Structure formats: C-alpha cells, structure tokens
Amino acid sequence: MILLIVGLILIIFAVLYAVSPIDIIPDFIPIIGWADDVFIVLPTLIVGLWLIFTQGLDIIGQIDTEKLVIILIMIIVIAFVALKIRDSSLRKNGKR
C-alpha cells in the first residue's frame, strides 16, 4: 500500500514539474532546456506508473501489466511532446 502512495506522489511531482514554468535549465535554451524535462519527467513517470500498476494490479487481480504500462507510457510521451510543441509554437507567435 505504501508503494502505491509513493507511485502516486511521483506521478504528481512529474506532472507538476512538466507544467511548472520553473525548470532546472530554462526551456528557451533549444535542446538542453527540453532535455532536463525529458530526463526528469519521463523516468519519474515510468517509476511512478510501475509502482502503481504493480501494486494496484496485485490488489485488483490478473491483468497483463506489461501491455498496460507500455500503452500508458506511450500516451504520456505523446502528451508530453504535444505540450512541448504547443509551448514552442506559443513562444514563437509571441503569445506567451
């Protein structure tokens, strides 16, 4: 049960870091600025999801966890890339 809560906290931290305007390396530095987001948010999400699904599915029952985790990671990566593309287009158009 504790690992389930830790996984949830990790996911909340990753989402808050991704949407926060405060970064370790600012995003206006083209590649390096985005790299810190990728190297902090993605591993944190992966570990958090893994903790939630391994612990949660032990409680729920037998579901193919590998396929479910892969699908969720793909959804998160696509959403993360879409947010970054939107963010860069807003900056380019001067709306941010």
C-alpha atoms as a PDB file:
ATOM      1  CA  MET A   1       0.000   0.000   0.000  1.00  0.00           C
ATOM      2  CA  ILE A   2       2.879   2.374   0.787  1.00  0.00           C
ATOM      3  CA  LEU A   3       4.425   1.792  -2.657  1.00  0.00           C
ATOM      4  CA  LEU A   4       1.084   2.693  -4.221  1.00  0.00           C
ATOM      5  CA  ILE A   5       1.153   6.059  -2.438  1.00  0.00           C
ATOM      6  CA  VAL A   6       4.808   6.635  -3.375  1.00  0.00           C
ATOM      7  CA  GLY A   7       3.956   5.961  -7.021  1.00  0.00           C
ATOM      8  CA  LEU A   8       1.104   8.458  -6.880  1.00  0.00           C
ATOM      9  CA  ILE A   9       3.368  11.094  -5.316  1.00  0.00           C
ATOM     10  CA  LEU A  10       5.975  10.530  -8.045  1.00  0.00           C
ATOM     11  CA  ILE A  11       3.384  10.977 -10.791  1.00  0.00           C
ATOM     12  CA  ILE A  12       2.052  14.156  -9.178  1.00  0.00           C
ATOM     13  CA  PHE A  13       5.609  15.517  -8.909  1.00  0.00           C
ATOM     14  CA  ALA A  14       6.324  14.696 -12.568  1.00  0.00           C
ATOM     15  CA  VAL A  15       3.156  16.372 -13.806  1.00  0.00           C
ATOM     16  CA  LEU A  16       3.731  19.462 -11.657  1.00  0.00           C
ATOM     17  CA  TYR A  17       7.326  19.735 -12.882  1.00  0.00           C
ATOM     18  CA  ALA A  18       6.211  19.356 -16.507  1.00  0.00           C
ATOM     19  CA  VAL A  19       3.629  22.143 -16.305  1.00  0.00           C
ATOM     20  CA  SER A  20       5.636  24.397 -13.998  1.00  0.00           C
ATOM     21  CA  PRO A  21       7.318  27.413 -15.571  1.00  0.00           C
ATOM     22  CA  ILE A  22      10.288  26.834 -13.250  1.00  0.00           C
ATOM     23  CA  ASP A  23      12.909  24.486 -14.700  1.00  0.00           C
ATOM     24  CA  ILE A  24      16.416  23.456 -13.756  1.00  0.00           C
ATOM     25  CA  ILE A  25      17.524  24.569 -17.233  1.00  0.00           C
ATOM     26  CA  PRO A  26      15.216  27.140 -18.903  1.00  0.00           C
ATOM     27  CA  ASP A  27      13.273  25.942 -21.946  1.00  0.00           C
ATOM     28  CA  PHE A  28      14.372  28.859 -24.112  1.00  0.00           C
ATOM     29  CA  ILE A  29      17.748  27.102 -24.496  1.00  0.00           C
ATOM     30  CA  PRO A  30      16.753  24.961 -27.511  1.00  0.00           C
ATOM     31  CA  ILE A  31      17.790  21.365 -26.885  1.00  0.00           C
ATOM     32  CA  ILE A  32      19.281  21.370 -23.420  1.00  0.00           C
ATOM     33  CA  GLY A  33      16.258  23.152 -21.964  1.00  0.00           C
ATOM     34  CA  TRP A  34      13.925  20.390 -23.123  1.00  0.00           C
ATOM     35  CA  ALA A  35      16.358  17.631 -22.182  1.00  0.00           C
ATOM     36  CA  ASP A  36      16.064  18.347 -18.466  1.00  0.00           C
ATOM     37  CA  ASP A  37      12.295  17.929 -18.745  1.00  0.00           C
ATOM     38  CA  VAL A  38      12.688  14.620 -20.537  1.00  0.00           C
ATOM     39  CA  PHE A  39      15.335  13.255 -18.156  1.00  0.00           C
ATOM     40  CA  ILE A  40      13.398  14.257 -15.040  1.00  0.00           C
ATOM     41  CA  VAL A  41       9.748  13.797 -16.005  1.00  0.00           C
ATOM     42  CA  LEU A  42       9.847  10.570 -18.021  1.00  0.00           C
ATOM     43  CA  PRO A  43      11.824   8.402 -15.554  1.00  0.00           C
ATOM     44  CA  THR A  44       9.732   9.738 -12.686  1.00  0.00           C
ATOM     45  CA  LEU A  45       6.512   8.907 -14.547  1.00  0.00           C
ATOM     46  CA  ILE A  46       7.771   5.476 -15.522  1.00  0.00           C
ATOM     47  CA  VAL A  47       8.748   4.566 -11.966  1.00  0.00           C
ATOM     48  CA  GLY A  48       5.536   6.032 -10.562  1.00  0.00           C
ATOM     49  CA  LEU A  49       3.357   4.161 -13.056  1.00  0.00           C
ATOM     50  CA  TRP A  50       5.298   0.962 -12.481  1.00  0.00           C
ATOM     51  CA  LEU A  51       4.784   1.224  -8.723  1.00  0.00           C
ATOM     52  CA  ILE A  52       1.090   1.977  -9.086  1.00  0.00           C
ATOM     53  CA  PHE A  53       0.365  -0.762 -11.590  1.00  0.00           C
ATOM     54  CA  THR A  54       2.430  -3.485  -9.980  1.00  0.00           C
ATOM     55  CA  GLN A  55       0.981  -2.787  -6.546  1.00  0.00           C
ATOM     56  CA  GLY A  56      -2.513  -1.899  -7.774  1.00  0.00           C
ATOM     57  CA  LEU A  57      -2.826  -4.894 -10.053  1.00  0.00           C
ATOM     58  CA  ASP A  58      -1.737  -7.227  -7.291  1.00  0.00           C
ATOM     59  CA  ILE A  59      -4.754  -5.912  -5.428  1.00  0.00           C
ATOM     60  CA  ILE A  60      -7.148  -5.931  -8.389  1.00  0.00           C
ATOM     61  CA  GLY A  61      -6.199  -9.261  -9.892  1.00  0.00           C
ATOM     62  CA  GLN A  62      -4.612 -10.593 -13.021  1.00  0.00           C
ATOM     63  CA  ILE A  63      -4.230  -8.094 -15.857  1.00  0.00           C
ATOM     64  CA  ASP A  64      -1.385  -8.050 -18.367  1.00  0.00           C
ATOM     65  CA  THR A  65       0.651  -5.319 -16.703  1.00  0.00           C
ATOM     66  CA  GLU A  66       3.366  -5.057 -19.351  1.00  0.00           C
ATOM     67  CA  LYS A  67       0.942  -4.113 -22.118  1.00  0.00           C
ATOM     68  CA  LEU A  68      -0.941  -1.699 -19.903  1.00  0.00           C
ATOM     69  CA  VAL A  69       2.209   0.074 -18.723  1.00  0.00           C
ATOM     70  CA  ILE A  70       3.570   0.327 -22.284  1.00  0.00           C
ATOM     71  CA  ILE A  71       0.315   1.860 -23.517  1.00  0.00           C
ATOM     72  CA  LEU A  72       0.218   4.375 -20.667  1.00  0.00           C
ATOM     73  CA  ILE A  73       3.866   5.345 -21.173  1.00  0.00           C
ATOM     74  CA  MET A  74       3.202   5.891 -24.879  1.00  0.00           C
ATOM     75  CA  ILE A  75       0.203   8.103 -24.070  1.00  0.00           C
ATOM     76  CA  ILE A  76       2.262  10.138 -21.613  1.00  0.00           C
ATOM     77  CA  VAL A  77       5.152  10.565 -24.060  1.00  0.00           C
ATOM     78  CA  ILE A  78       2.790  11.683 -26.841  1.00  0.00           C
ATOM     79  CA  ALA A  79       1.069  14.144 -24.482  1.00  0.00           C
ATOM     80  CA  PHE A  80       4.434  15.464 -23.289  1.00  0.00           C
ATOM     81  CA  VAL A  81       5.669  16.015 -26.861  1.00  0.00           C
ATOM     82  CA  ALA A  82       2.385  17.691 -27.802  1.00  0.00           C
ATOM     83  CA  LEU A  83       2.670  20.076 -24.844  1.00  0.00           C
ATOM     84  CA  LYS A  84       6.244  20.959 -25.781  1.00  0.00           C
ATOM     85  CA  ILE A  85       5.281  21.593 -29.423  1.00  0.00           C
ATOM     86  CA  ARG A  86       2.391  23.778 -28.283  1.00  0.00           C
ATOM     87  CA  ASP A  87       4.653  25.628 -25.871  1.00  0.00           C
ATOM     88  CA  SER A  88       7.281  26.326 -28.532  1.00  0.00           C
ATOM     89  CA  SER A  89       4.650  27.483 -31.050  1.00  0.00           C
ATOM     90  CA  LEU A  90       3.124  29.844 -28.466  1.00  0.00           C
ATOM     91  CA  ARG A  91       6.552  31.309 -27.785  1.00  0.00           C
ATOM     92  CA  LYS A  92       7.260  31.663 -31.480  1.00  0.00           C
ATOM     93  CA  ASN A  93       3.985  33.536 -32.023  1.00  0.00           C
ATOM     94  CA  GLY A  94       4.631  35.753 -29.019  1.00  0.00           C
ATOM     95  CA  LYS A  95       1.543  34.671 -27.122  1.00  0.00           C
ATOM     96  CA  ARG A  96       3.465  33.623 -24.068  1.00  0.00           C
END
